[in-house]
Amino acid sequence: MRLDRFVCKSTELLQQQAIDCIHQGQVWVNGNVVVDESIQVHENNNIQLKGQTLVSRPFRYLLINKPANTLCSNVDGVYPSLFSLIDVERPSELHIAGRLDADTTGLVLITDDGRWTFAITSPSGQCHKVYRVKLAKPIAADAGESFLQGIALQGEQELTLPAQLQIITPQEVLLTLTEGKFHQVKRMFAAVGNKVVSLHRESISAVSADVAEGEWRYLSVDEVQSFYT
């Protein structure tokens, strides 16, 4: 992570305070003074502030079952921030690993571990995300094959990655993706002549939205590690 972020995560300093300490030459990395707050450091580096070795607080991993009309943001906007539903210390250190639109409900993962987020959000990780989709009209009979081959989205040069479509009823389906383009689910169904009426993310990899809407919990060690295997 960035050096200034590491200092914040190891102390009670705010980001600007950490940056000031770095610029003043008070931070050492592996025996050398570093005055660039943007350099990347790791847990196994020896990082000191004013001669005291810093130890980063443990990473945190949470899930929440997002209600509609909330924002996947650290601050309120037109709708309240999802973080207004979470009672934890230092919420500003946390970020969302894969955002949902304001009107979309379901599983959202929250962490302060950037490498873990990359494992979830990068298409190369092949992390399966399952969405329950309700549609304005019956799904076309050949839609499953189209989704499997890839959909051409407006403004995109490449087709979407192969996606699996499971029909529950003519107007309700489960869609499994391994990527997360902007408004992807809504754009995919628009591309095949349909419209999403409601959208709910049921699971990401082996982790499900198993708490009530608006509720949250910490992930187990096994759940956290499942994204690295």
C-alpha atoms as a PDB file:
ATOM      1  CA  MET A   1       0.000   0.000   0.000  1.00  0.00           C
ATOM      2  CA  ARG A   2       1.041   3.662  -0.219  1.00  0.00           C
ATOM      3  CA  LEU A   3       3.400   4.847   2.479  1.00  0.00           C
ATOM      4  CA  ASP A   4       1.033   7.530   3.789  1.00  0.00           C
ATOM      5  CA  ARG A   5      -1.741   4.973   4.041  1.00  0.00           C
ATOM      6  CA  PHE A   6       0.521   2.582   5.923  1.00  0.00           C
ATOM      7  CA  VAL A   7       1.404   5.317   8.408  1.00  0.00           C
ATOM      8  CA  CYS A   8      -2.294   6.094   8.940  1.00  0.00           C
ATOM      9  CA  LYS A   9      -3.090   2.402   9.351  1.00  0.00           C
ATOM     10  CA  SER A  10      -0.318   2.055  11.958  1.00  0.00           C
ATOM     11  CA  THR A  11      -1.088   5.211  13.966  1.00  0.00           C
ATOM     12  CA  GLU A  12      -3.941   7.578  14.815  1.00  0.00           C
ATOM     13  CA  LEU A  13      -2.722  10.155  12.278  1.00  0.00           C
ATOM     14  CA  LEU A  14      -4.992  11.523   9.593  1.00  0.00           C
ATOM     15  CA  GLN A  15      -3.741  11.346   6.012  1.00  0.00           C
ATOM     16  CA  GLN A  16      -2.520  14.940   5.814  1.00  0.00           C
ATOM     17  CA  GLN A  17      -0.741  14.565   9.144  1.00  0.00           C
ATOM     18  CA  ALA A  18       0.975  11.417   7.868  1.00  0.00           C
ATOM     19  CA  ILE A  19       2.020  13.201   4.677  1.00  0.00           C
ATOM     20  CA  ASP A  20       3.449  16.093   6.698  1.00  0.00           C
ATOM     21  CA  CYS A  21       5.542  13.656   8.770  1.00  0.00           C
ATOM     22  CA  ILE A  22       6.845  12.029   5.594  1.00  0.00           C
ATOM     23  CA  HIS A  23       7.743  15.361   3.986  1.00  0.00           C
ATOM     24  CA  GLN A  24       9.555  16.381   7.177  1.00  0.00           C
ATOM     25  CA  GLY A  25      11.812  13.328   6.939  1.00  0.00           C
ATOM     26  CA  GLN A  26      10.368  11.613  10.000  1.00  0.00           C
ATOM     27  CA  VAL A  27       9.609   8.320   8.237  1.00  0.00           C
ATOM     28  CA  TRP A  28      12.220   5.673   7.447  1.00  0.00           C
ATOM     29  CA  VAL A  29      11.738   2.618   5.227  1.00  0.00           C
ATOM     30  CA  ASN A  30      14.284  -0.178   5.566  1.00  0.00           C
ATOM     31  CA  GLY A  31      16.817   2.197   7.083  1.00  0.00           C
ATOM     32  CA  ASN A  32      16.381   5.034   4.573  1.00  0.00           C
ATOM     33  CA  VAL A  33      14.524   8.331   4.918  1.00  0.00           C
ATOM     34  CA  VAL A  34      11.635   8.502   2.445  1.00  0.00           C
ATOM     35  CA  VAL A  35       9.894  11.786   1.649  1.00  0.00           C
ATOM     36  CA  ASP A  36       7.550  10.522  -1.099  1.00  0.00           C
ATOM     37  CA  GLU A  37       4.202   9.538   0.391  1.00  0.00           C
ATOM     38  CA  SER A  38       3.114   7.686  -2.754  1.00  0.00           C
ATOM     39  CA  ILE A  39       5.728   4.914  -2.750  1.00  0.00           C
ATOM     40  CA  GLN A  40       4.422   1.395  -2.277  1.00  0.00           C
ATOM     41  CA  VAL A  41       5.414  -0.456   0.895  1.00  0.00           C
ATOM     42  CA  HIS A  42       4.668  -3.934   2.232  1.00  0.00           C
ATOM     43  CA  GLU A  43       4.030  -5.492   5.623  1.00  0.00           C
ATOM     44  CA  ASN A  44       7.511  -7.064   5.664  1.00  0.00           C
ATOM     45  CA  ASN A  45       9.243  -3.663   5.269  1.00  0.00           C
ATOM     46  CA  ASN A  46      10.789  -2.067   8.354  1.00  0.00           C
ATOM     47  CA  ILE A  47       8.957   1.251   8.579  1.00  0.00           C
ATOM     48  CA  GLN A  48       9.668   3.711  11.389  1.00  0.00           C
ATOM     49  CA  LEU A  49       8.143   7.027  12.440  1.00  0.00           C
ATOM     50  CA  LYS A  50      10.346   9.189  14.659  1.00  0.00           C
ATOM     51  CA  GLY A  51      12.409   6.115  15.517  1.00  0.00           C
ATOM     52  CA  GLN A  52       9.421   3.938  16.439  1.00  0.00           C
ATOM     53  CA  THR A  53       8.727   0.837  14.354  1.00  0.00           C
ATOM     54  CA  LEU A  54       5.219   0.876  12.921  1.00  0.00           C
ATOM     55  CA  VAL A  55       2.950  -2.166  12.912  1.00  0.00           C
ATOM     56  CA  SER A  56      -0.109  -2.009  10.701  1.00  0.00           C
ATOM     57  CA  ARG A  57      -3.476  -2.869  12.180  1.00  0.00           C
ATOM     58  CA  PRO A  58      -4.960  -6.121  10.784  1.00  0.00           C
ATOM     59  CA  PHE A  59      -6.935  -5.851   7.565  1.00  0.00           C
ATOM     60  CA  ARG A  60     -10.716  -5.949   7.888  1.00  0.00           C
ATOM     61  CA  TYR A  61     -13.160  -7.832   5.656  1.00  0.00           C
ATOM     62  CA  LEU A  62     -16.920  -7.245   5.832  1.00  0.00           C
ATOM     63  CA  LEU A  63     -20.029  -8.021   3.856  1.00  0.00           C
ATOM     64  CA  ILE A  64     -23.316  -6.167   3.818  1.00  0.00           C
ATOM     65  CA  ASN A  65     -26.649  -6.894   2.200  1.00  0.00           C
ATOM     66  CA  LYS A  66     -27.139  -3.563   0.468  1.00  0.00           C
ATOM     67  CA  PRO A  67     -30.642  -2.069   0.423  1.00  0.00           C
ATOM     68  CA  ALA A  68     -31.928  -0.037  -2.499  1.00  0.00           C
ATOM     69  CA  ASN A  69     -31.384   3.720  -2.582  1.00  0.00           C
ATOM     70  CA  THR A  70     -27.983   3.640  -0.903  1.00  0.00           C
ATOM     71  CA  LEU A  71     -24.641   4.641  -2.398  1.00  0.00           C
ATOM     72  CA  CYS A  72     -21.502   2.526  -2.654  1.00  0.00           C
ATOM     73  CA  SER A  73     -19.515   5.513  -1.477  1.00  0.00           C
ATOM     74  CA  ASN A  74     -17.737   6.678   1.675  1.00  0.00           C
ATOM     75  CA  VAL A  75     -19.863   9.832   1.774  1.00  0.00           C
ATOM     76  CA  ASP A  76     -23.550  10.640   1.437  1.00  0.00           C
ATOM     77  CA  GLY A  77     -24.881  12.028  -1.813  1.00  0.00           C
ATOM     78  CA  VAL A  78     -28.348  11.973  -3.342  1.00  0.00           C
ATOM     79  CA  TYR A  79     -28.842   8.845  -1.214  1.00  0.00           C
ATOM     80  CA  PRO A  80     -27.134   7.890   2.057  1.00  0.00           C
ATOM     81  CA  SER A  81     -23.782   6.165   1.963  1.00  0.00           C
ATOM     82  CA  LEU A  82     -23.714   2.432   2.555  1.00  0.00           C
ATOM     83  CA  PHE A  83     -21.210   3.161   5.327  1.00  0.00           C
ATOM     84  CA  SER A  84     -23.963   4.830   7.352  1.00  0.00           C
ATOM     85  CA  LEU A  85     -25.215   1.284   8.045  1.00  0.00           C
ATOM     86  CA  ILE A  86     -21.868  -0.004   9.354  1.00  0.00           C
ATOM     87  CA  ASP A  87     -20.733   0.624  12.921  1.00  0.00           C
ATOM     88  CA  VAL A  88     -16.940   0.250  12.853  1.00  0.00           C
ATOM     89  CA  GLU A  89     -13.942   2.353  13.835  1.00  0.00           C
ATOM     90  CA  ARG A  90     -12.122   4.354  11.171  1.00  0.00           C
ATOM     91  CA  PRO A  91     -14.635   3.771   8.344  1.00  0.00           C
ATOM     92  CA  SER A  92     -12.636   6.174   6.147  1.00  0.00           C
ATOM     93  CA  GLU A  93      -9.931   3.484   5.836  1.00  0.00           C
ATOM     94  CA  LEU A  94     -12.392   1.093   4.197  1.00  0.00           C
ATOM     95  CA  HIS A  95     -13.395   0.840   0.565  1.00  0.00           C
ATOM     96  CA  ILE A  96     -15.862  -1.209  -1.458  1.00  0.00           C
ATOM     97  CA  ALA A  97     -14.628  -4.178  -3.487  1.00  0.00           C
ATOM     98  CA  GLY A  98     -17.009  -3.997  -6.439  1.00  0.00           C
ATOM     99  CA  ARG A  99     -19.662  -1.300  -6.392  1.00  0.00           C
ATOM    100  CA  LEU A 100     -23.370  -1.607  -7.077  1.00  0.00           C
ATOM    101  CA  ASP A 101     -25.705   1.043  -8.492  1.00  0.00           C
ATOM    102  CA  ALA A 102     -27.876   2.984  -6.049  1.00  0.00           C
ATOM    103  CA  ASP A 103     -31.007   1.020  -7.017  1.00  0.00           C
ATOM    104  CA  THR A 104     -29.279  -2.392  -6.989  1.00  0.00           C
ATOM    105  CA  THR A 105     -29.493  -4.543  -3.875  1.00  0.00           C
ATOM    106  CA  GLY A 106     -27.509  -7.446  -2.478  1.00  0.00           C
ATOM    107  CA  LEU A 107     -23.997  -8.489  -1.553  1.00  0.00           C
ATOM    108  CA  VAL A 108     -21.290  -5.870  -1.200  1.00  0.00           C
ATOM    109  CA  LEU A 109     -17.808  -6.649   0.130  1.00  0.00           C
ATOM    110  CA  ILE A 110     -15.912  -4.009   2.106  1.00  0.00           C
ATOM    111  CA  THR A 111     -12.248  -4.011   3.110  1.00  0.00           C
ATOM    112  CA  ASP A 112      -9.065  -2.020   3.623  1.00  0.00           C
ATOM    113  CA  ASP A 113      -6.942  -4.614   1.782  1.00  0.00           C
ATOM    114  CA  GLY A 114      -6.190  -3.426  -1.751  1.00  0.00           C
ATOM    115  CA  ARG A 115      -4.647  -6.711  -2.919  1.00  0.00           C
ATOM    116  CA  TRP A 116      -7.750  -8.605  -1.815  1.00  0.00           C
ATOM    117  CA  THR A 117      -9.929  -6.154  -3.716  1.00  0.00           C
ATOM    118  CA  PHE A 118      -7.867  -6.725  -6.862  1.00  0.00           C
ATOM    119  CA  ALA A 119      -8.341 -10.496  -6.541  1.00  0.00           C
ATOM    120  CA  ILE A 120     -12.110  -9.938  -6.487  1.00  0.00           C
ATOM    121  CA  THR A 121     -12.518  -7.259  -9.146  1.00  0.00           C
ATOM    122  CA  SER A 122      -9.907  -8.204 -11.749  1.00  0.00           C
ATOM    123  CA  PRO A 123     -11.363 -10.286 -14.613  1.00  0.00           C
ATOM    124  CA  SER A 124      -8.159 -12.352 -14.553  1.00  0.00           C
ATOM    125  CA  GLY A 125      -9.206 -13.664 -11.127  1.00  0.00           C
ATOM    126  CA  GLN A 126     -12.287 -15.351 -12.654  1.00  0.00           C
ATOM    127  CA  CYS A 127     -14.303 -14.418  -9.559  1.00  0.00           C
ATOM    128  CA  HIS A 128     -17.916 -15.437 -10.202  1.00  0.00           C
ATOM    129  CA  LYS A 129     -20.625 -12.936  -9.284  1.00  0.00           C
ATOM    130  CA  VAL A 130     -24.248 -14.102  -9.395  1.00  0.00           C
ATOM    131  CA  TYR A 131     -27.096 -11.641  -9.993  1.00  0.00           C
ATOM    132  CA  ARG A 132     -30.832 -12.241  -9.768  1.00  0.00           C
ATOM    133  CA  VAL A 133     -32.414 -10.184 -12.531  1.00  0.00           C
ATOM    134  CA  LYS A 134     -36.075  -9.357 -13.044  1.00  0.00           C
ATOM    135  CA  LEU A 135     -36.942  -8.229 -16.555  1.00  0.00           C
ATOM    136  CA  ALA A 136     -39.567  -6.038 -18.191  1.00  0.00           C
ATOM    137  CA  LYS A 137     -40.511  -8.749 -20.698  1.00  0.00           C
ATOM    138  CA  PRO A 138     -39.834 -12.447 -21.284  1.00  0.00           C
ATOM    139  CA  ILE A 139     -36.240 -13.327 -22.063  1.00  0.00           C
ATOM    140  CA  ALA A 140     -35.505 -14.303 -25.672  1.00  0.00           C
ATOM    141  CA  ALA A 141     -35.063 -18.026 -26.266  1.00  0.00           C
ATOM    142  CA  ASP A 142     -31.567 -17.570 -27.695  1.00  0.00           C
ATOM    143  CA  ALA A 143     -30.341 -15.130 -25.031  1.00  0.00           C
ATOM    144  CA  GLY A 144     -28.390 -17.787 -23.144  1.00  0.00           C
ATOM    145  CA  GLU A 145     -26.191 -18.499 -26.145  1.00  0.00           C
ATOM    146  CA  SER A 146     -25.666 -14.790 -26.776  1.00  0.00           C
ATOM    147  CA  PHE A 147     -24.503 -14.222 -23.204  1.00  0.00           C
ATOM    148  CA  LEU A 148     -22.192 -17.229 -23.410  1.00  0.00           C
ATOM    149  CA  GLN A 149     -20.570 -15.956 -26.617  1.00  0.00           C
ATOM    150  CA  GLY A 150     -20.233 -12.379 -25.325  1.00  0.00           C
ATOM    151  CA  ILE A 151     -22.343  -9.264 -25.786  1.00  0.00           C
ATOM    152  CA  ALA A 152     -21.368  -6.174 -27.760  1.00  0.00           C
ATOM    153  CA  LEU A 153     -22.006  -3.201 -25.478  1.00  0.00           C
ATOM    154  CA  GLN A 154     -22.421   0.316 -26.788  1.00  0.00           C
ATOM    155  CA  GLY A 155     -19.148   2.218 -26.537  1.00  0.00           C
ATOM    156  CA  GLU A 156     -17.071  -0.944 -25.921  1.00  0.00           C
ATOM    157  CA  GLN A 157     -14.623  -2.337 -28.462  1.00  0.00           C
ATOM    158  CA  GLU A 158     -14.494  -5.854 -27.021  1.00  0.00           C
ATOM    159  CA  LEU A 159     -17.293  -8.288 -26.280  1.00  0.00           C
ATOM    160  CA  THR A 160     -18.154  -9.025 -22.681  1.00  0.00           C
ATOM    161  CA  LEU A 161     -16.537 -12.123 -21.245  1.00  0.00           C
ATOM    162  CA  PRO A 162     -18.642 -15.307 -21.408  1.00  0.00           C
ATOM    163  CA  ALA A 163     -21.529 -15.167 -18.940  1.00  0.00           C
ATOM    164  CA  GLN A 164     -23.907 -17.894 -17.809  1.00  0.00           C
ATOM    165  CA  LEU A 165     -27.647 -17.312 -17.925  1.00  0.00           C
ATOM    166  CA  GLN A 166     -30.040 -19.506 -15.932  1.00  0.00           C
ATOM    167  CA  ILE A 167     -33.736 -18.944 -16.607  1.00  0.00           C
ATOM    168  CA  ILE A 168     -35.927 -19.144 -13.505  1.00  0.00           C
ATOM    169  CA  THR A 169     -39.109 -17.828 -15.120  1.00  0.00           C
ATOM    170  CA  PRO A 170     -39.577 -16.054 -18.459  1.00  0.00           C
ATOM    171  CA  GLN A 171     -38.992 -12.721 -16.684  1.00  0.00           C
ATOM    172  CA  GLU A 172     -36.558 -13.739 -13.938  1.00  0.00           C
ATOM    173  CA  VAL A 173     -33.042 -15.076 -14.479  1.00  0.00           C
ATOM    174  CA  LEU A 174     -29.751 -15.683 -12.712  1.00  0.00           C
ATOM    175  CA  LEU A 175     -26.728 -14.192 -14.445  1.00  0.00           C
ATOM    176  CA  THR A 176     -23.152 -15.170 -13.552  1.00  0.00           C
ATOM    177  CA  LEU A 177     -20.347 -12.773 -14.533  1.00  0.00           C
ATOM    178  CA  THR A 178     -16.582 -12.717 -14.039  1.00  0.00           C
ATOM    179  CA  GLU A 179     -16.139  -9.006 -14.788  1.00  0.00           C
ATOM    180  CA  GLY A 180     -17.749  -5.760 -13.704  1.00  0.00           C
ATOM    181  CA  LYS A 181     -18.052  -3.115 -16.385  1.00  0.00           C
ATOM    182  CA  PHE A 182     -19.997   0.092 -15.753  1.00  0.00           C
ATOM    183  CA  HIS A 183     -23.747  -0.769 -15.503  1.00  0.00           C
ATOM    184  CA  GLN A 184     -22.830  -4.056 -17.167  1.00  0.00           C
ATOM    185  CA  VAL A 185     -25.884  -6.165 -16.326  1.00  0.00           C
ATOM    186  CA  LYS A 186     -28.338  -3.463 -17.383  1.00  0.00           C
ATOM    187  CA  ARG A 187     -26.402  -2.782 -20.587  1.00  0.00           C
ATOM    188  CA  MET A 188     -26.191  -6.478 -21.474  1.00  0.00           C
ATOM    189  CA  PHE A 189     -29.931  -6.964 -21.277  1.00  0.00           C
ATOM    190  CA  ALA A 190     -30.552  -3.717 -23.147  1.00  0.00           C
ATOM    191  CA  ALA A 191     -28.286  -5.055 -25.898  1.00  0.00           C
ATOM    192  CA  VAL A 192     -30.563  -8.098 -26.335  1.00  0.00           C
ATOM    193  CA  GLY A 193     -33.718  -5.979 -26.394  1.00  0.00           C
ATOM    194  CA  ASN A 194     -34.851  -6.216 -22.797  1.00  0.00           C
ATOM    195  CA  LYS A 195     -34.824  -4.017 -19.682  1.00  0.00           C
ATOM    196  CA  VAL A 196     -33.817  -4.743 -16.098  1.00  0.00           C
ATOM    197  CA  VAL A 197     -36.626  -4.008 -13.642  1.00  0.00           C
ATOM    198  CA  SER A 198     -34.757  -5.034 -10.496  1.00  0.00           C
ATOM    199  CA  LEU A 199     -31.248  -6.319  -9.799  1.00  0.00           C
ATOM    200  CA  HIS A 200     -29.888  -8.178  -6.766  1.00  0.00           C
ATOM    201  CA  ARG A 201     -26.372  -9.565  -6.323  1.00  0.00           C
ATOM    202  CA  GLU A 202     -26.704 -12.893  -4.541  1.00  0.00           C
ATOM    203  CA  SER A 203     -23.103 -14.021  -4.222  1.00  0.00           C
ATOM    204  CA  ILE A 204     -19.466 -13.366  -5.026  1.00  0.00           C
ATOM    205  CA  SER A 205     -17.448 -16.547  -5.364  1.00  0.00           C
ATOM    206  CA  ALA A 206     -18.345 -18.698  -2.307  1.00  0.00           C
ATOM    207  CA  VAL A 207     -19.636 -15.745  -0.238  1.00  0.00           C
ATOM    208  CA  SER A 208     -23.389 -15.094  -0.148  1.00  0.00           C
ATOM    209  CA  ALA A 209     -25.614 -12.279   1.088  1.00  0.00           C
ATOM    210  CA  ASP A 210     -26.695 -14.345   4.089  1.00  0.00           C
ATOM    211  CA  VAL A 211     -27.747 -11.495   6.388  1.00  0.00           C
ATOM    212  CA  ALA A 212     -30.946  -9.458   6.367  1.00  0.00           C
ATOM    213  CA  GLU A 213     -31.187  -6.430   4.095  1.00  0.00           C
ATOM    214  CA  GLY A 214     -29.254  -3.561   5.612  1.00  0.00           C
ATOM    215  CA  GLU A 215     -27.317  -5.865   7.967  1.00  0.00           C
ATOM    216  CA  TRP A 216     -23.583  -6.644   7.880  1.00  0.00           C
ATOM    217  CA  ARG A 217     -21.001  -9.008   9.361  1.00  0.00           C
ATOM    218  CA  TYR A 218     -17.291  -9.763   9.261  1.00  0.00           C
ATOM    219  CA  LEU A 219     -16.092 -12.494   6.901  1.00  0.00           C
ATOM    220  CA  SER A 220     -14.547 -15.660   8.279  1.00  0.00           C
ATOM    221  CA  VAL A 221     -10.890 -16.478   7.625  1.00  0.00           C
ATOM    222  CA  ASP A 222     -11.944 -19.217   5.190  1.00  0.00           C
ATOM    223  CA  GLU A 223     -14.174 -16.795   3.288  1.00  0.00           C
ATOM    224  CA  VAL A 224     -11.356 -14.268   2.991  1.00  0.00           C
ATOM    225  CA  GLN A 225      -8.881 -16.892   1.799  1.00  0.00           C
ATOM    226  CA  SER A 226     -11.327 -18.340  -0.737  1.00  0.00           C
ATOM    227  CA  PHE A 227     -10.613 -15.429  -3.071  1.00  0.00           C
ATOM    228  CA  TYR A 228      -6.928 -16.388  -3.310  1.00  0.00           C
ATOM    229  CA  THR A 229      -7.533 -20.017  -4.328  1.00  0.00           C
END
